Amino acid sequence: MRWYGAPNSVPAAMWMELLCVLRDECQHFLWLNERLGELGGYAYGDVPAHDGLWETALDTKTSLLARVAMLPLVQEARALDAQPRLVHKLLSQGDRRSAGLVNQICDEEVPHVHTGMRWFRYLVGYFMSQVWRLASVLTCCNCHHRRRCRVTSATSLANRLAQTIVPKLATQLWPRFMQ
């Protein structure tokens, strides 16, 4: 992942937690790939499937905020939503091992969603602090007198920036949430 903000604006703890999630996802892949092999010598890519994860990665390649919103809060959450139906289908076919694997993976997805929510909230807070900082700089340049005027102008400008930037971000993310 790339982050185009200030180098120290994202805590190392965030990167460490996201790396732990990535480690878990690699393990999930290995388990599923092994299970495909057990079910008839299949390997990942042999069976047609959607490429929603890859599409999401491409769609969010320039925005850490969008990526943190889409991967854990949409993709991982979808897996949790699909779990009961998928487990039911697998059990109805007598495949207890695959059903157990899906349950095990989904048990690990819950903390991934929590991690995503925590860091999404952090990034939104950071983003809004940058809006306020920009508003303060712009109003300082435009207001040469009276502190009250600057504060009122900064508040007004920050509100206008938030009203234009946040809806734009939402319109970029909303279609992906609805798929």
Foldseek 3Di string as FASTA:
>chain_A
DDDPDDPVLDPPVLVVVVVVVVVLVVVLQVVVQVVCCVVPHDGPPPDDDDPLVVVQCVLCVPPPLLNLCPVLVAVLVVLVVCLVVVLVVCVVVVNNVVNVSSVVSNVVSVVSNVSSVVVNVSVVVVVLVVLLVVLLVVLVVVDPDDPVSSVVSSVVSSVVCCVPVVVVVCVSNVVSNVD
